[in-house]
PDB file of N, CA and C in Angstrom:
ATOM      1  N   MET A   1     115.221 103.696  98.823  1.00  0.00           N
ATOM      2  CA  MET A   1     116.478 103.691  98.248  1.00  0.00           C
ATOM      3  C   MET A   1     117.303 102.355  97.243  1.00  0.00           C
ATOM      4  N   ALA A   2     117.141 102.651  95.582  1.00  0.00           N
ATOM      5  CA  ALA A   2     117.680 101.763  94.876  1.00  0.00           C
ATOM      6  C   ALA A   2     118.702 100.961  95.216  1.00  0.00           C
ATOM      7  N   SER A   3     118.274  99.320  94.478  1.00  0.00           N
ATOM      8  CA  SER A   3     119.319  98.056  94.920  1.00  0.00           C
ATOM      9  C   SER A   3     119.847  98.870  93.938  1.00  0.00           C
ATOM     10  N   ASN A   4     121.566  98.500  94.358  1.00  0.00           N
ATOM     11  CA  ASN A   4     122.385  98.449  93.201  1.00  0.00           C
ATOM     12  C   ASN A   4     122.631  97.016  92.098  1.00  0.00           C
ATOM     13  N   ASN A   5     121.536  96.559  92.111  1.00  0.00           N
ATOM     14  CA  ASN A   5     121.366  94.686  91.349  1.00  0.00           C
ATOM     15  C   ASN A   5     121.186  95.375  90.491  1.00  0.00           C
ATOM     16  N   PRO A   6     122.413  94.460  89.033  1.00  0.00           N
ATOM     17  CA  PRO A   6     122.475  95.801  87.502  1.00  0.00           C
ATOM     18  C   PRO A   6     121.067  94.954  87.044  1.00  0.00           C
ATOM     19  N   GLY A   7     120.254  94.028  87.743  1.00  0.00           N
ATOM     20  CA  GLY A   7     118.831  93.034  87.151  1.00  0.00           C
ATOM     21  C   GLY A   7     117.903  94.946  87.052  1.00  0.00           C
ATOM     22  N   ASN A   8     117.990  95.633  87.786  1.00  0.00           N
ATOM     23  CA  ASN A   8     116.972  96.373  88.560  1.00  0.00           C
ATOM     24  C   ASN A   8     117.287  97.710  88.117  1.00  0.00           C
ATOM     25  N   PHE A   9     116.038  98.073  86.714  1.00  0.00           N
ATOM     26  CA  PHE A   9     116.064  98.477  85.370  1.00  0.00           C
ATOM     27  C   PHE A   9     115.687 100.353  86.480  1.00  0.00           C
ATOM     28  N   ALA A  10     115.840 100.418  87.141  1.00  0.00           N
ATOM     29  CA  ALA A  10     115.632 102.010  87.933  1.00  0.00           C
ATOM     30  C   ALA A  10     116.665 102.779  87.706  1.00  0.00           C
ATOM     31  N   ASN A  11     118.017 101.355  87.780  1.00  0.00           N
ATOM     32  CA  ASN A  11     119.622 101.955  87.873  1.00  0.00           C
ATOM     33  C   ASN A  11     120.143 102.691  86.685  1.00  0.00           C
ATOM     34  N   ARG A  12     119.518 101.812  85.441  1.00  0.00           N
ATOM     35  CA  ARG A  12     120.704 101.708  84.536  1.00  0.00           C
ATOM     36  C   ARG A  12     119.533 103.222  83.486  1.00  0.00           C
ATOM     37  N   PRO A  13     120.844 103.788  82.881  1.00  0.00           N
ATOM     38  CA  PRO A  13     120.366 104.859  80.957  1.00  0.00           C
ATOM     39  C   PRO A  13     119.292 104.919  81.228  1.00  0.00           C
ATOM     40  N   LYS A  14     118.015 105.695  81.055  1.00  0.00           N
ATOM     41  CA  LYS A  14     117.161 105.069  80.421  1.00  0.00           C
ATOM     42  C   LYS A  14     116.954 104.914  78.428  1.00  0.00           C
ATOM     43  N   ASP A  15     117.828 105.408  77.578  1.00  0.00           N
ATOM     44  CA  ASP A  15     117.648 104.797  76.878  1.00  0.00           C
ATOM     45  C   ASP A  15     118.517 103.977  76.512  1.00  0.00           C
ATOM     46  N   GLU A  16     119.450 102.817  77.788  1.00  0.00           N
ATOM     47  CA  GLU A  16     119.500 101.533  77.799  1.00  0.00           C
ATOM     48  C   GLU A  16     118.701 100.913  78.256  1.00  0.00           C
ATOM     49  N   VAL A  17     117.653 101.464  79.301  1.00  0.00           N
ATOM     50  CA  VAL A  17     116.298 100.714  78.718  1.00  0.00           C
ATOM     51  C   VAL A  17     115.196 100.473  77.945  1.00  0.00           C
ATOM     52  N   ARG A  18     115.117 101.732  77.287  1.00  0.00           N
ATOM     53  CA  ARG A  18     114.528 101.814  75.846  1.00  0.00           C
ATOM     54  C   ARG A  18     115.375 100.810  75.317  1.00  0.00           C
ATOM     55  N   GLU A  19     116.493 100.364  74.722  1.00  0.00           N
ATOM     56  CA  GLU A  19     116.687  99.366  74.120  1.00  0.00           C
ATOM     57  C   GLU A  19     117.026  98.391  74.151  1.00  0.00           C
ATOM     58  N   ILE A  20     116.425  98.225  76.310  1.00  0.00           N
ATOM     59  CA  ILE A  20     116.568  96.211  75.944  1.00  0.00           C
ATOM     60  C   ILE A  20     114.880  96.021  76.282  1.00  0.00           C
ATOM     61  N   ALA A  21     114.053  97.545  76.438  1.00  0.00           N
ATOM     62  CA  ALA A  21     112.944  97.190  75.758  1.00  0.00           C
ATOM     63  C   ALA A  21     112.504  96.731  75.031  1.00  0.00           C
ATOM     64  N   SER A  22     112.659  97.271  73.607  1.00  0.00           N
ATOM     65  CA  SER A  22     112.771  96.726  71.974  1.00  0.00           C
ATOM     66  C   SER A  22     112.737  95.884  71.749  1.00  0.00           C
ATOM     67  N   LYS A  23     113.737  94.739  72.254  1.00  0.00           N
ATOM     68  CA  LYS A  23     113.476  93.793  71.812  1.00  0.00           C
ATOM     69  C   LYS A  23     112.606  92.779  72.250  1.00  0.00           C
ATOM     70  N   GLY A  24     112.175  92.750  73.383  1.00  0.00           N
ATOM     71  CA  GLY A  24     111.097  92.780  73.695  1.00  0.00           C
ATOM     72  C   GLY A  24     110.617  91.132  74.139  1.00  0.00           C
ATOM     73  N   GLY A  25     111.801  90.226  74.459  1.00  0.00           N
ATOM     74  CA  GLY A  25     112.315  88.779  74.721  1.00  0.00           C
ATOM     75  C   GLY A  25     112.536  88.789  73.407  1.00  0.00           C
ATOM     76  N   LYS A  26     112.994  88.701  72.385  1.00  0.00           N
ATOM     77  CA  LYS A  26     113.562  88.204  71.405  1.00  0.00           C
ATOM     78  C   LYS A  26     114.540  87.975  71.368  1.00  0.00           C
ATOM     79  N   ALA A  27     115.407  88.062  72.479  1.00  0.00           N
ATOM     80  CA  ALA A  27     116.864  87.768  72.391  1.00  0.00           C
ATOM     81  C   ALA A  27     117.358  86.808  74.267  1.00  0.00           C
ATOM     82  N   SER A  28     115.434  86.019  74.801  1.00  0.00           N
ATOM     83  CA  SER A  28     115.903  85.594  75.517  1.00  0.00           C
ATOM     84  C   SER A  28     115.147  84.042  75.588  1.00  0.00           C
ATOM     85  N   HIS A  29     115.036  83.199  76.231  1.00  0.00           N
ATOM     86  CA  HIS A  29     114.366  81.695  75.117  1.00  0.00           C
ATOM     87  C   HIS A  29     116.104  80.936  74.668  1.00  0.00           C
ATOM     88  N   GLY A  30     116.554  80.905  75.715  1.00  0.00           N
ATOM     89  CA  GLY A  30     118.301  80.122  75.033  1.00  0.00           C
ATOM     90  C   GLY A  30     118.135  80.278  73.450  1.00  0.00           C
ATOM     91  N   GLY A  31     118.268  81.829  73.173  1.00  0.00           N
ATOM     92  CA  GLY A  31     119.310  81.957  71.916  1.00  0.00           C
ATOM     93  C   GLY A  31     118.313  81.381  70.401  1.00  0.00           C
ATOM     94  N   GLY A  32     116.773  80.852  70.916  1.00  0.00           N
ATOM     95  CA  GLY A  32     116.341  80.908  69.174  1.00  0.00           C
ATOM     96  C   GLY A  32     116.579  81.942  67.919  1.00  0.00           C
ATOM     97  N   SER A  33     116.745  81.494  67.077  1.00  0.00           N
ATOM     98  CA  SER A  33     116.536  82.258  66.016  1.00  0.00           C
ATOM     99  C   SER A  33     114.612  82.424  65.593  1.00  0.00           C
ATOM    100  N   THR A  34     114.715  83.352  65.097  1.00  0.00           N
ATOM    101  CA  THR A  34     113.471  83.588  64.037  1.00  0.00           C
ATOM    102  C   THR A  34     112.659  82.783  63.209  1.00  0.00           C
ATOM    103  N   GLU A  35     114.577  82.311  62.746  1.00  0.00           N
ATOM    104  CA  GLU A  35     113.641  81.596  61.026  1.00  0.00           C
ATOM    105  C   GLU A  35     113.268  79.917  62.356  1.00  0.00           C
ATOM    106  N   ALA A  36     114.162  79.436  63.188  1.00  0.00           N
ATOM    107  CA  ALA A  36     113.267  78.197  63.461  1.00  0.00           C
ATOM    108  C   ALA A  36     111.897  78.436  64.069  1.00  0.00           C
ATOM    109  N   ALA A  37     111.349  79.544  64.962  1.00  0.00           N
ATOM    110  CA  ALA A  37     110.216  79.616  64.475  1.00  0.00           C
ATOM    111  C   ALA A  37     108.762  79.951  63.929  1.00  0.00           C
ATOM    112  N   ASN A  38     109.901  80.982  62.877  1.00  0.00           N
ATOM    113  CA  ASN A  38     108.805  79.807  61.410  1.00  0.00           C
ATOM    114  C   ASN A  38     108.628  78.758  60.925  1.00  0.00           C
ATOM    115  N   ASP A  39     109.353  77.908  60.176  1.00  0.00           N
ATOM    116  CA  ASP A  39     109.575  77.100  60.055  1.00  0.00           C
ATOM    117  C   ASP A  39     108.088  75.944  61.137  1.00  0.00           C
ATOM    118  N   ASN A  40     107.861  77.013  62.103  1.00  0.00           N
ATOM    119  CA  ASN A  40     106.764  75.692  63.182  1.00  0.00           C
ATOM    120  C   ASN A  40     105.532  76.147  62.316  1.00  0.00           C
ATOM    121  N   SER A  41     106.159  77.618  61.488  1.00  0.00           N
ATOM    122  CA  SER A  41     104.735  78.145  61.630  1.00  0.00           C
ATOM    123  C   SER A  41     103.548  77.309  60.581  1.00  0.00           C
ATOM    124  N   SER A  42     104.629  76.526  59.181  1.00  0.00           N
ATOM    125  CA  SER A  42     104.470  76.221  57.755  1.00  0.00           C
ATOM    126  C   SER A  42     103.585  74.686  58.980  1.00  0.00           C
ATOM    127  N   SER A  43     103.890  74.922  59.975  1.00  0.00           N
ATOM    128  CA  SER A  43     102.948  73.096  60.947  1.00  0.00           C
ATOM    129  C   SER A  43     101.646  73.487  61.394  1.00  0.00           C
ATOM    130  N   GLY A  44     101.111  74.747  61.364  1.00  0.00           N
ATOM    131  CA  GLY A  44     100.005  75.418  61.524  1.00  0.00           C
ATOM    132  C   GLY A  44      99.929  75.731  63.342  1.00  0.00           C
ATOM    133  N   ASN A  45     101.228  76.489  63.940  1.00  0.00           N
ATOM    134  CA  ASN A  45     100.994  76.113  65.317  1.00  0.00           C
ATOM    135  C   ASN A  45     102.143  77.936  65.081  1.00  0.00           C
ATOM    136  N   SER A  46     101.115  78.681  64.792  1.00  0.00           N
ATOM    137  CA  SER A  46     101.268  79.801  64.722  1.00  0.00           C
ATOM    138  C   SER A  46     103.098  80.270  64.829  1.00  0.00           C
ATOM    139  N   GLY A  47     104.486  79.521  64.347  1.00  0.00           N
ATOM    140  CA  GLY A  47     105.637  79.774  65.196  1.00  0.00           C
ATOM    141  C   GLY A  47     105.527  79.175  67.291  1.00  0.00           C
ATOM    142  N   THR A  48     104.271  78.638  67.296  1.00  0.00           N
ATOM    143  CA  THR A  48     104.714  78.395  68.513  1.00  0.00           C
ATOM    144  C   THR A  48     105.445  77.294  69.402  1.00  0.00           C
ATOM    145  N   GLY A  49     105.609  76.941  68.085  1.00  0.00           N
ATOM    146  CA  GLY A  49     106.351  75.063  68.524  1.00  0.00           C
ATOM    147  C   GLY A  49     105.123  74.642  68.981  1.00  0.00           C
ATOM    148  N   ASN A  50     105.536  72.921  69.472  1.00  0.00           N
ATOM    149  CA  ASN A  50     104.676  71.708  69.392  1.00  0.00           C
ATOM    150  C   ASN A  50     104.246  72.268  71.402  1.00  0.00           C
ATOM    151  N   GLN A  51     104.728  72.591  72.556  1.00  0.00           N
ATOM    152  CA  GLN A  51     104.099  73.223  73.322  1.00  0.00           C
ATOM    153  C   GLN A  51     102.597  73.496  74.168  1.00  0.00           C
ATOM    154  N   GLY A  52     102.937  73.936  74.780  1.00  0.00           N
ATOM    155  CA  GLY A  52     102.167  74.656  76.259  1.00  0.00           C
ATOM    156  C   GLY A  52     100.576  75.128  74.486  1.00  0.00           C
ATOM    157  N   PHE A  53      99.298  75.595  76.154  1.00  0.00           N
ATOM    158  CA  PHE A  53      98.453  75.374  75.950  1.00  0.00           C
ATOM    159  C   PHE A  53      97.737  76.394  74.719  1.00  0.00           C
ATOM    160  N   ALA A  54      98.589  77.238  74.465  1.00  0.00           N
ATOM    161  CA  ALA A  54      98.466  78.780  73.497  1.00  0.00           C
ATOM    162  C   ALA A  54      98.809  77.765  71.856  1.00  0.00           C
ATOM    163  N   SER A  55      99.182  76.988  71.725  1.00  0.00           N
ATOM    164  CA  SER A  55      99.469  76.434  70.784  1.00  0.00           C
ATOM    165  C   SER A  55      98.568  75.498  69.961  1.00  0.00           C
ATOM    166  N   MET A  56      97.373  75.289  70.875  1.00  0.00           N
ATOM    167  CA  MET A  56      96.750  73.721  70.393  1.00  0.00           C
ATOM    168  C   MET A  56      95.519  74.201  69.763  1.00  0.00           C
ATOM    169  N   ASP A  57      94.735  73.259  69.452  1.00  0.00           N
ATOM    170  CA  ASP A  57      93.905  73.870  68.570  1.00  0.00           C
ATOM    171  C   ASP A  57      92.750  74.533  69.300  1.00  0.00           C
ATOM    172  N   PRO A  58      91.935  75.450  69.266  1.00  0.00           N
ATOM    173  CA  PRO A  58      90.875  76.571  70.263  1.00  0.00           C
ATOM    174  C   PRO A  58      90.045  75.522  70.354  1.00  0.00           C
ATOM    175  N   GLU A  59      89.615  73.837  69.964  1.00  0.00           N
ATOM    176  CA  GLU A  59      88.201  73.146  70.325  1.00  0.00           C
ATOM    177  C   GLU A  59      89.280  73.051  70.405  1.00  0.00           C
ATOM    178  N   LYS A  60      90.193  72.017  71.108  1.00  0.00           N
ATOM    179  CA  LYS A  60      90.492  71.453  71.978  1.00  0.00           C
ATOM    180  C   LYS A  60      90.685  72.671  73.129  1.00  0.00           C
ATOM    181  N   GLN A  61      91.468  73.741  73.307  1.00  0.00           N
ATOM    182  CA  GLN A  61      91.484  74.758  74.278  1.00  0.00           C
ATOM    183  C   GLN A  61      90.347  74.771  75.117  1.00  0.00           C
ATOM    184  N   ARG A  62      88.874  74.714  74.564  1.00  0.00           N
ATOM    185  CA  ARG A  62      87.265  75.289  75.189  1.00  0.00           C
ATOM    186  C   ARG A  62      87.218  73.695  76.145  1.00  0.00           C
ATOM    187  N   GLU A  63      87.351  72.149  75.149  1.00  0.00           N
ATOM    188  CA  GLU A  63      87.573  71.095  75.842  1.00  0.00           C
ATOM    189  C   GLU A  63      88.128  70.792  77.517  1.00  0.00           C
ATOM    190  N   ILE A  64      89.831  71.367  76.751  1.00  0.00           N
ATOM    191  CA  ILE A  64      90.102  71.423  78.759  1.00  0.00           C
ATOM    192  C   ILE A  64      89.718  72.737  80.048  1.00  0.00           C
ATOM    193  N   ALA A  65      89.341  74.006  78.978  1.00  0.00           N
ATOM    194  CA  ALA A  65      89.550  74.737  79.998  1.00  0.00           C
ATOM    195  C   ALA A  65      87.964  74.523  81.009  1.00  0.00           C
ATOM    196  N   SER A  66      86.712  74.134  79.775  1.00  0.00           N
ATOM    197  CA  SER A  66      85.230  73.617  80.203  1.00  0.00           C
ATOM    198  C   SER A  66      85.181  72.456  81.018  1.00  0.00           C
ATOM    199  N   LYS A  67      86.703  71.572  81.558  1.00  0.00           N
ATOM    200  CA  LYS A  67      86.504  70.831  82.882  1.00  0.00           C
ATOM    201  C   LYS A  67      86.802  71.491  84.239  1.00  0.00           C
ATOM    202  N   GLY A  68      87.324  72.761  83.737  1.00  0.00           N
ATOM    203  CA  GLY A  68      88.326  73.960  85.036  1.00  0.00           C
ATOM    204  C   GLY A  68      88.979  72.789  86.619  1.00  0.00           C
ATOM    205  N   GLY A  69      88.498  73.552  87.479  1.00  0.00           N
ATOM    206  CA  GLY A  69      88.702  72.850  88.149  1.00  0.00           C
ATOM    207  C   GLY A  69      88.263  70.772  89.059  1.00  0.00           C
ATOM    208  N   LYS A  70      87.046  70.807  87.668  1.00  0.00           N
ATOM    209  CA  LYS A  70      86.462  69.265  87.934  1.00  0.00           C
ATOM    210  C   LYS A  70      87.342  68.427  87.953  1.00  0.00           C
ATOM    211  N   ALA A  71      88.846  68.144  87.213  1.00  0.00           N
ATOM    212  CA  ALA A  71      89.366  66.782  87.420  1.00  0.00           C
ATOM    213  C   ALA A  71      90.504  67.390  88.732  1.00  0.00           C
ATOM    214  N   SER A  72      90.741  68.176  89.298  1.00  0.00           N
ATOM    215  CA  SER A  72      91.362  68.706  90.475  1.00  0.00           C
ATOM    216  C   SER A  72      91.893  67.354  91.795  1.00  0.00           C
ATOM    217  N   SER A  73      92.814  66.456  92.037  1.00  0.00           N
ATOM    218  CA  SER A  73      92.198  65.587  92.890  1.00  0.00           C
ATOM    219  C   SER A  73      92.919  66.532  93.874  1.00  0.00           C
ATOM    220  N   GLY A  74      92.117  65.909  95.387  1.00  0.00           N
ATOM    221  CA  GLY A  74      92.872  66.428  96.623  1.00  0.00           C
ATOM    222  C   GLY A  74      92.128  67.648  96.676  1.00  0.00           C
ATOM    223  N   SER A  75      91.036  68.122  95.948  1.00  0.00           N
ATOM    224  CA  SER A  75      90.358  69.788  96.618  1.00  0.00           C
ATOM    225  C   SER A  75      89.271  68.896  97.859  1.00  0.00           C
ATOM    226  N   PHE A  76      88.552  70.337  97.914  1.00  0.00           N
ATOM    227  CA  PHE A  76      87.683  69.585  99.406  1.00  0.00           C
ATOM    228  C   PHE A  76      86.321  69.692  98.586  1.00  0.00           C
ATOM    229  N   GLU A  77      84.995  69.308  98.751  1.00  0.00           N
ATOM    230  CA  GLU A  77      83.447  69.845  98.252  1.00  0.00           C
ATOM    231  C   GLU A  77      83.429  71.091  99.134  1.00  0.00           C
ATOM    232  N   PRO A  78      82.806  71.781  98.563  1.00  0.00           N
ATOM    233  CA  PRO A  78      82.700  73.032  99.723  1.00  0.00           C
ATOM    234  C   PRO A  78      81.930  72.638 100.675  1.00  0.00           C
ATOM    235  N   GLY A  79      82.075  73.446 102.458  1.00  0.00           N
ATOM    236  CA  GLY A  79      81.188  73.046 103.211  1.00  0.00           C
ATOM    237  C   GLY A  79      81.523  71.570 103.982  1.00  0.00           C
ATOM    238  N   SER A  80      82.614  70.707 103.314  1.00  0.00           N
ATOM    239  CA  SER A  80      82.323  69.882 104.021  1.00  0.00           C
ATOM    240  C   SER A  80      83.491  70.119 105.318  1.00  0.00           C
ATOM    241  N   GLU A  81      83.821  69.089 106.012  1.00  0.00           N
ATOM    242  CA  GLU A  81      83.851  68.859 107.429  1.00  0.00           C
ATOM    243  C   GLU A  81      86.100  68.878 107.039  1.00  0.00           C
ATOM    244  N   ARG A  82      86.314  68.197 106.151  1.00  0.00           N
ATOM    245  CA  ARG A  82      87.044  68.364 105.774  1.00  0.00           C
ATOM    246  C   ARG A  82      87.793  69.873 105.150  1.00  0.00           C
ATOM    247  N   ALA A  83      87.204  70.186 104.708  1.00  0.00           N
ATOM    248  CA  ALA A  83      87.302  71.353 104.362  1.00  0.00           C
ATOM    249  C   ALA A  83      87.771  72.676 105.737  1.00  0.00           C
ATOM    250  N   ARG A  84      86.555  71.938 106.569  1.00  0.00           N
ATOM    251  CA  ARG A  84      86.888  72.750 107.722  1.00  0.00           C
ATOM    252  C   ARG A  84      87.232  73.052 108.494  1.00  0.00           C
ATOM    253  N   GLU A  85      88.221  71.811 108.967  1.00  0.00           N
ATOM    254  CA  GLU A  85      89.338  71.363 109.843  1.00  0.00           C
ATOM    255  C   GLU A  85      90.551  71.850 108.806  1.00  0.00           C
ATOM    256  N   ALA A  86      90.938  71.831 107.343  1.00  0.00           N
ATOM    257  CA  ALA A  86      91.875  71.887 106.501  1.00  0.00           C
ATOM    258  C   ALA A  86      92.632  73.573 107.088  1.00  0.00           C
ATOM    259  N   GLY A  87      90.865  74.281 106.905  1.00  0.00           N
ATOM    260  CA  GLY A  87      91.442  76.240 106.783  1.00  0.00           C
ATOM    261  C   GLY A  87      91.144  76.207 108.209  1.00  0.00           C
ATOM    262  N   ARG A  88      91.027  75.591 109.292  1.00  0.00           N
ATOM    263  CA  ARG A  88      90.967  76.041 110.810  1.00  0.00           C
ATOM    264  C   ARG A  88      92.399  75.352 110.650  1.00  0.00           C
ATOM    265  N   LYS A  89      92.980  74.776 110.366  1.00  0.00           N
ATOM    266  CA  LYS A  89      94.983  74.454 110.301  1.00  0.00           C
ATOM    267  C   LYS A  89      95.545  75.693 109.567  1.00  0.00           C
ATOM    268  N   GLY A  90      95.304  75.682 108.756  1.00  0.00           N
ATOM    269  CA  GLY A  90      95.273  77.016 108.209  1.00  0.00           C
ATOM    270  C   GLY A  90      96.236  78.256 108.801  1.00  0.00           C
ATOM    271  N   GLY A  91      94.442  78.623 109.236  1.00  0.00           N
ATOM    272  CA  GLY A  91      94.352  79.252 110.716  1.00  0.00           C
ATOM    273  C   GLY A  91      95.655  80.088 111.663  1.00  0.00           C
ATOM    274  N   LEU A  92      95.521  78.593 112.349  1.00  0.00           N
ATOM    275  CA  LEU A  92      96.634  78.807 113.640  1.00  0.00           C
ATOM    276  C   LEU A  92      97.796  78.599 113.291  1.00  0.00           C
ATOM    277  N   ALA A  93      97.932  78.094 111.832  1.00  0.00           N
ATOM    278  CA  ALA A  93      99.779  78.254 111.801  1.00  0.00           C
ATOM    279  C   ALA A  93     100.353  79.634 111.096  1.00  0.00           C
ATOM    280  N   SER A  94      99.559  80.163 109.957  1.00  0.00           N
ATOM    281  CA  SER A  94      98.826  81.631 110.322  1.00  0.00           C
ATOM    282  C   SER A  94      99.250  82.410 111.001  1.00  0.00           C
ATOM    283  N   HIS A  95      98.252  82.201 112.027  1.00  0.00           N
ATOM    284  CA  HIS A  95      98.491  83.645 113.569  1.00  0.00           C
ATOM    285  C   HIS A  95      99.744  82.289 114.526  1.00  0.00           C
ATOM    286  N   GLY A  96     100.214  82.028 114.027  1.00  0.00           N
ATOM    287  CA  GLY A  96     101.419  81.187 114.860  1.00  0.00           C
ATOM    288  C   GLY A  96     100.421  80.413 116.065  1.00  0.00           C
ATOM    289  N   GLY A  97      99.412  80.236 116.083  1.00  0.00           N
ATOM    290  CA  GLY A  97      98.770  79.062 117.248  1.00  0.00           C
ATOM    291  C   GLY A  97      97.531  79.970 118.146  1.00  0.00           C
ATOM    292  N   ASN A  98      97.105  81.339 117.765  1.00  0.00           N
ATOM    293  CA  ASN A  98      96.392  82.538 118.691  1.00  0.00           C
ATOM    294  C   ASN A  98      94.857  82.653 118.128  1.00  0.00           C
ATOM    295  N   SER A  99      94.361  81.673 118.944  1.00  0.00           N
ATOM    296  CA  SER A  99      93.369  81.238 118.435  1.00  0.00           C
ATOM    297  C   SER A  99      91.822  81.637 119.646  1.00  0.00           C
ATOM    298  N   GLU A 100      91.474  82.563 119.103  1.00  0.00           N
ATOM    299  CA  GLU A 100      90.202  82.355 120.286  1.00  0.00           C
ATOM    300  C   GLU A 100      88.688  81.636 120.221  1.00  0.00           C
ATOM    301  N   GLU A 101      89.616  80.471 120.933  1.00  0.00           N
ATOM    302  CA  GLU A 101      87.487  79.378 120.660  1.00  0.00           C
ATOM    303  C   GLU A 101      87.732  79.412 121.660  1.00  0.00           C
TER     304      GLU A 101
END
């Protein structure tokens, strides 16, 4: 049974859903105008503003992406005792303490 939540598109008429879909997010994100987005394009950001990975220089993106998880703190070395212990604790927690040790 479909929810009667107004955000549930299954409950809306197809024409209304098409109209909403055609806007494609243009009306979201705080009501900014398309003119504001166009102003940013002159600064070389392709209209995305000064935020986010996608608006960065492609070379800078490659540099960051190449680091992958290397800079991650708190990760475990594969096969380490700490990793085994954390996995064991996680298994116990997710299975309600029912282990067959």
